Amino acid sequence: MKNKKLRELWAQLKEETLSRNNPHQIALGIGVGSFLGVFPLQGFKTAIVLLIGSFYKKVNIIAVFTASTVFSFIPVVPFVYFFDYWVGTKILNVPVVFTINSFKHFNIKMLGSSVWALFVGGAFIGIVLGILSYLVSLSVLKLKNRRSK
C-alpha cells in the first residue's frame, strides 16, 4: 500500500515538475538550487527557496528545492562546509585554522576569518556548481525532450 502511494506521489511530482516548465526554467531551478545547497545558510534555505519562488516565476521552485536539499543531507553537510571553508582559505590566502589542535587556542579573531573564508568559498563553489548544474541539466532536459518527440 505504501509503495503504491509513494509511486503515485513520485509520478505526480515528476509530472508537475516537468510538464509546466520549459527546460530552461527547470535547469535554472537546478542551478540556483545547487548554489544554495553549498552556500552556508543551513536553516534558512527553505525560506530562501520560497522567496525565490514568489519573486521569480521563471524558476522552477520544485527544482530549486530538490537541488538545494541534496546538499543539505545531514551526513554530507560537514564535508560540503569544510570544502567551502578550505576553498575560501585558498582564495583569501589565509591559513586553515580549524584543526584538532586549533581549538586549544581558539579566539574570536579566528572565528571571524574562518566565517569569512566559509562564505567566500561557499559563494565560489556555489557559482561554479550552479553554472555547471544549469548547463548539464539543460543539455539533459533538451535531449530528453528531443527523444520523447
C-alpha atoms as a PDB file:
ATOM      1  CA  MET A   1       0.000   0.000   0.000  1.00  0.00           C
ATOM      2  CA  LYS A   2       2.766   2.448   0.962  1.00  0.00           C
ATOM      3  CA  ASN A   3       4.733   1.595  -2.164  1.00  0.00           C
ATOM      4  CA  LYS A   4       1.776   2.388  -4.393  1.00  0.00           C
ATOM      5  CA  LYS A   5       1.182   5.752  -2.712  1.00  0.00           C
ATOM      6  CA  LEU A   6       4.867   6.626  -2.976  1.00  0.00           C
ATOM      7  CA  ARG A   7       4.881   5.751  -6.661  1.00  0.00           C
ATOM      8  CA  GLU A   8       1.777   7.863  -7.239  1.00  0.00           C
ATOM      9  CA  LEU A   9       3.324  10.784  -5.337  1.00  0.00           C
ATOM     10  CA  TRP A  10       6.581  10.436  -7.288  1.00  0.00           C
ATOM     11  CA  ALA A  11       4.694  10.336 -10.607  1.00  0.00           C
ATOM     12  CA  GLN A  12       2.669  13.399  -9.622  1.00  0.00           C
ATOM     13  CA  LEU A  13       5.797  15.304  -8.539  1.00  0.00           C
ATOM     14  CA  LYS A  14       7.608  14.337 -11.744  1.00  0.00           C
ATOM     15  CA  GLU A  15       4.642  15.378 -13.876  1.00  0.00           C
ATOM     16  CA  GLU A  16       4.283  18.684 -12.021  1.00  0.00           C
ATOM     17  CA  THR A  17       7.984  19.457 -12.351  1.00  0.00           C
ATOM     18  CA  LEU A  18       8.474  18.529 -15.987  1.00  0.00           C
ATOM     19  CA  SER A  19       5.179  19.392 -17.630  1.00  0.00           C
ATOM     20  CA  ARG A  20       4.542  23.051 -16.808  1.00  0.00           C
ATOM     21  CA  ASN A  21       8.010  24.415 -17.378  1.00  0.00           C
ATOM     22  CA  ASN A  22      10.364  24.522 -20.275  1.00  0.00           C
ATOM     23  CA  PRO A  23      13.865  23.025 -19.939  1.00  0.00           C
ATOM     24  CA  HIS A  24      15.397  26.441 -19.243  1.00  0.00           C
ATOM     25  CA  GLN A  25      13.163  27.028 -16.198  1.00  0.00           C
ATOM     26  CA  ILE A  26      13.874  23.593 -14.754  1.00  0.00           C
ATOM     27  CA  ALA A  27      17.623  23.836 -15.416  1.00  0.00           C
ATOM     28  CA  LEU A  28      17.674  27.326 -13.906  1.00  0.00           C
ATOM     29  CA  GLY A  29      15.980  25.914 -10.813  1.00  0.00           C
ATOM     30  CA  ILE A  30      18.584  23.155 -10.577  1.00  0.00           C
ATOM     31  CA  GLY A  31      21.399  25.682 -10.968  1.00  0.00           C
ATOM     32  CA  VAL A  32      20.015  28.039  -8.324  1.00  0.00           C
ATOM     33  CA  GLY A  33      19.311  25.111  -6.006  1.00  0.00           C
ATOM     34  CA  SER A  34      22.848  23.812  -6.430  1.00  0.00           C
ATOM     35  CA  PHE A  35      24.213  27.239  -5.494  1.00  0.00           C
ATOM     36  CA  LEU A  36      22.002  27.383  -2.406  1.00  0.00           C
ATOM     37  CA  GLY A  37      22.891  23.819  -1.483  1.00  0.00           C
ATOM     38  CA  VAL A  38      26.594  24.527  -0.993  1.00  0.00           C
ATOM     39  CA  PHE A  39      26.275  28.088   0.313  1.00  0.00           C
ATOM     40  CA  PRO A  40      26.468  28.014   4.135  1.00  0.00           C
ATOM     41  CA  LEU A  41      22.957  29.088   5.096  1.00  0.00           C
ATOM     42  CA  GLN A  42      21.727  25.998   6.900  1.00  0.00           C
ATOM     43  CA  GLY A  43      18.346  26.662   8.443  1.00  0.00           C
ATOM     44  CA  PHE A  44      17.414  29.444   6.031  1.00  0.00           C
ATOM     45  CA  LYS A  45      17.426  27.558   2.742  1.00  0.00           C
ATOM     46  CA  THR A  46      13.722  26.703   2.693  1.00  0.00           C
ATOM     47  CA  ALA A  47      12.778  30.326   3.362  1.00  0.00           C
ATOM     48  CA  ILE A  48      15.142  31.481   0.610  1.00  0.00           C
ATOM     49  CA  VAL A  49      13.694  28.908  -1.803  1.00  0.00           C
ATOM     50  CA  LEU A  50      10.179  30.175  -1.050  1.00  0.00           C
ATOM     51  CA  LEU A  51      11.280  33.788  -1.571  1.00  0.00           C
ATOM     52  CA  ILE A  52      12.882  32.898  -4.890  1.00  0.00           C
ATOM     53  CA  GLY A  53       9.712  31.088  -5.934  1.00  0.00           C
ATOM     54  CA  SER A  54       7.479  34.018  -5.057  1.00  0.00           C
ATOM     55  CA  PHE A  55       9.588  36.660  -6.813  1.00  0.00           C
ATOM     56  CA  TYR A  56      10.949  34.818  -9.838  1.00  0.00           C
ATOM     57  CA  LYS A  57       8.275  32.935 -11.733  1.00  0.00           C
ATOM     58  CA  LYS A  58      10.763  31.828 -14.407  1.00  0.00           C
ATOM     59  CA  VAL A  59      12.485  29.488 -11.937  1.00  0.00           C
ATOM     60  CA  ASN A  60      11.045  26.056 -11.233  1.00  0.00           C
ATOM     61  CA  ILE A  61      10.616  26.087  -7.442  1.00  0.00           C
ATOM     62  CA  ILE A  62      10.484  22.300  -7.119  1.00  0.00           C
ATOM     63  CA  ALA A  63      13.810  22.011  -8.938  1.00  0.00           C
ATOM     64  CA  VAL A  64      15.343  24.684  -6.660  1.00  0.00           C
ATOM     65  CA  PHE A  65      14.142  22.930  -3.527  1.00  0.00           C
ATOM     66  CA  THR A  66      15.202  19.472  -4.701  1.00  0.00           C
ATOM     67  CA  ALA A  67      18.689  20.556  -5.782  1.00  0.00           C
ATOM     68  CA  SER A  68      19.310  22.525  -2.579  1.00  0.00           C
ATOM     69  CA  THR A  69      18.133  19.611  -0.458  1.00  0.00           C
ATOM     70  CA  VAL A  70      20.686  17.236  -1.999  1.00  0.00           C
ATOM     71  CA  PHE A  71      23.499  19.136  -0.276  1.00  0.00           C
ATOM     72  CA  SER A  72      21.558  19.512   2.983  1.00  0.00           C
ATOM     73  CA  PHE A  73      21.583  15.788   3.708  1.00  0.00           C
ATOM     74  CA  ILE A  74      22.945  15.630   7.277  1.00  0.00           C
ATOM     75  CA  PRO A  75      25.924  13.304   6.677  1.00  0.00           C
ATOM     76  CA  VAL A  76      27.040  15.432   3.703  1.00  0.00           C
ATOM     77  CA  VAL A  77      26.859  18.897   5.319  1.00  0.00           C
ATOM     78  CA  PRO A  78      30.163  18.780   7.277  1.00  0.00           C
ATOM     79  CA  PHE A  79      32.085  17.730   4.167  1.00  0.00           C
ATOM     80  CA  VAL A  80      30.457  20.405   1.995  1.00  0.00           C
ATOM     81  CA  TYR A  81      31.114  23.120   4.573  1.00  0.00           C
ATOM     82  CA  PHE A  82      34.688  22.043   5.184  1.00  0.00           C
ATOM     83  CA  PHE A  83      35.308  22.099   1.437  1.00  0.00           C
ATOM     84  CA  ASP A  84      33.707  25.588   1.286  1.00  0.00           C
ATOM     85  CA  TYR A  85      35.993  26.680   4.110  1.00  0.00           C
ATOM     86  CA  TRP A  86      39.103  25.131   2.542  1.00  0.00           C
ATOM     87  CA  VAL A  87      38.443  26.769  -0.843  1.00  0.00           C
ATOM     88  CA  GLY A  88      37.763  30.085   0.914  1.00  0.00           C
ATOM     89  CA  THR A  89      41.114  29.920   2.723  1.00  0.00           C
ATOM     90  CA  LYS A  90      42.869  29.320  -0.608  1.00  0.00           C
ATOM     91  CA  ILE A  91      41.057  32.230  -2.293  1.00  0.00           C
ATOM     92  CA  LEU A  92      41.709  34.609   0.628  1.00  0.00           C
ATOM     93  CA  ASN A  93      45.239  33.284   1.135  1.00  0.00           C
ATOM     94  CA  VAL A  94      44.699  32.715   4.850  1.00  0.00           C
ATOM     95  CA  PRO A  95      45.832  29.670   6.793  1.00  0.00           C
ATOM     96  CA  VAL A  96      43.468  26.843   7.639  1.00  0.00           C
ATOM     97  CA  VAL A  97      42.955  27.435  11.369  1.00  0.00           C
ATOM     98  CA  PHE A  98      40.487  24.712  12.172  1.00  0.00           C
ATOM     99  CA  THR A  99      42.405  21.619  13.114  1.00  0.00           C
ATOM    100  CA  ILE A 100      42.144  19.436  16.201  1.00  0.00           C
ATOM    101  CA  ASN A 101      44.849  21.437  17.989  1.00  0.00           C
ATOM    102  CA  SER A 102      43.479  24.848  16.992  1.00  0.00           C
ATOM    103  CA  PHE A 103      40.612  24.588  19.434  1.00  0.00           C
ATOM    104  CA  LYS A 104      43.061  24.721  22.336  1.00  0.00           C
ATOM    105  CA  HIS A 105      43.991  28.280  21.345  1.00  0.00           C
ATOM    106  CA  PHE A 106      40.648  29.391  19.925  1.00  0.00           C
ATOM    107  CA  ASN A 107      39.801  33.096  19.866  1.00  0.00           C
ATOM    108  CA  ILE A 108      37.184  35.367  18.290  1.00  0.00           C
ATOM    109  CA  LYS A 109      39.592  36.604  15.583  1.00  0.00           C
ATOM    110  CA  MET A 110      39.968  33.021  14.337  1.00  0.00           C
ATOM    111  CA  LEU A 111      36.198  32.692  14.142  1.00  0.00           C
ATOM    112  CA  GLY A 112      35.791  35.887  12.093  1.00  0.00           C
ATOM    113  CA  SER A 113      38.353  34.952   9.446  1.00  0.00           C
ATOM    114  CA  SER A 114      37.003  31.404   9.311  1.00  0.00           C
ATOM    115  CA  VAL A 115      33.408  32.514   8.766  1.00  0.00           C
ATOM    116  CA  TRP A 116      34.535  34.874   6.007  1.00  0.00           C
ATOM    117  CA  ALA A 117      36.502  32.047   4.366  1.00  0.00           C
ATOM    118  CA  LEU A 118      33.454  29.764   4.647  1.00  0.00           C
ATOM    119  CA  PHE A 119      31.191  32.283   2.891  1.00  0.00           C
ATOM    120  CA  VAL A 120      33.726  33.196   0.191  1.00  0.00           C
ATOM    121  CA  GLY A 121      34.423  29.521  -0.525  1.00  0.00           C
ATOM    122  CA  GLY A 122      30.711  28.712  -0.498  1.00  0.00           C
ATOM    123  CA  ALA A 123      29.976  31.527  -2.927  1.00  0.00           C
ATOM    124  CA  PHE A 124      32.769  30.467  -5.278  1.00  0.00           C
ATOM    125  CA  ILE A 125      31.841  26.779  -5.235  1.00  0.00           C
ATOM    126  CA  GLY A 126      28.150  27.663  -5.466  1.00  0.00           C
ATOM    127  CA  ILE A 127      28.613  29.819  -8.547  1.00  0.00           C
ATOM    128  CA  VAL A 128      30.757  27.218 -10.310  1.00  0.00           C
ATOM    129  CA  LEU A 129      28.471  24.335  -9.330  1.00  0.00           C
ATOM    130  CA  GLY A 130      25.346  26.339 -10.171  1.00  0.00           C
ATOM    131  CA  ILE A 131      26.582  27.150 -13.677  1.00  0.00           C
ATOM    132  CA  LEU A 132      27.720  23.572 -14.301  1.00  0.00           C
ATOM    133  CA  SER A 133      24.437  22.157 -12.939  1.00  0.00           C
ATOM    134  CA  TYR A 134      22.455  24.512 -15.160  1.00  0.00           C
ATOM    135  CA  LEU A 135      24.413  23.611 -18.287  1.00  0.00           C
ATOM    136  CA  VAL A 136      24.371  19.852 -17.694  1.00  0.00           C
ATOM    137  CA  SER A 137      20.695  19.705 -16.704  1.00  0.00           C
ATOM    138  CA  LEU A 138      19.686  21.934 -19.639  1.00  0.00           C
ATOM    139  CA  SER A 139      21.508  19.610 -22.046  1.00  0.00           C
ATOM    140  CA  VAL A 140      19.937  16.512 -20.493  1.00  0.00           C
ATOM    141  CA  LEU A 141      16.437  18.016 -20.496  1.00  0.00           C
ATOM    142  CA  LYS A 142      16.715  19.161 -24.116  1.00  0.00           C
ATOM    143  CA  LEU A 143      17.959  15.715 -25.123  1.00  0.00           C
ATOM    144  CA  LYS A 144      15.062  14.118 -23.239  1.00  0.00           C
ATOM    145  CA  ASN A 145      12.569  16.400 -24.991  1.00  0.00           C
ATOM    146  CA  ARG A 146      14.043  15.601 -28.422  1.00  0.00           C
ATOM    147  CA  ARG A 147      13.871  11.868 -27.781  1.00  0.00           C
ATOM    148  CA  SER A 148      10.294  11.988 -26.479  1.00  0.00           C
ATOM    149  CA  LYS A 149       9.028  13.709 -29.636  1.00  0.00           C
END
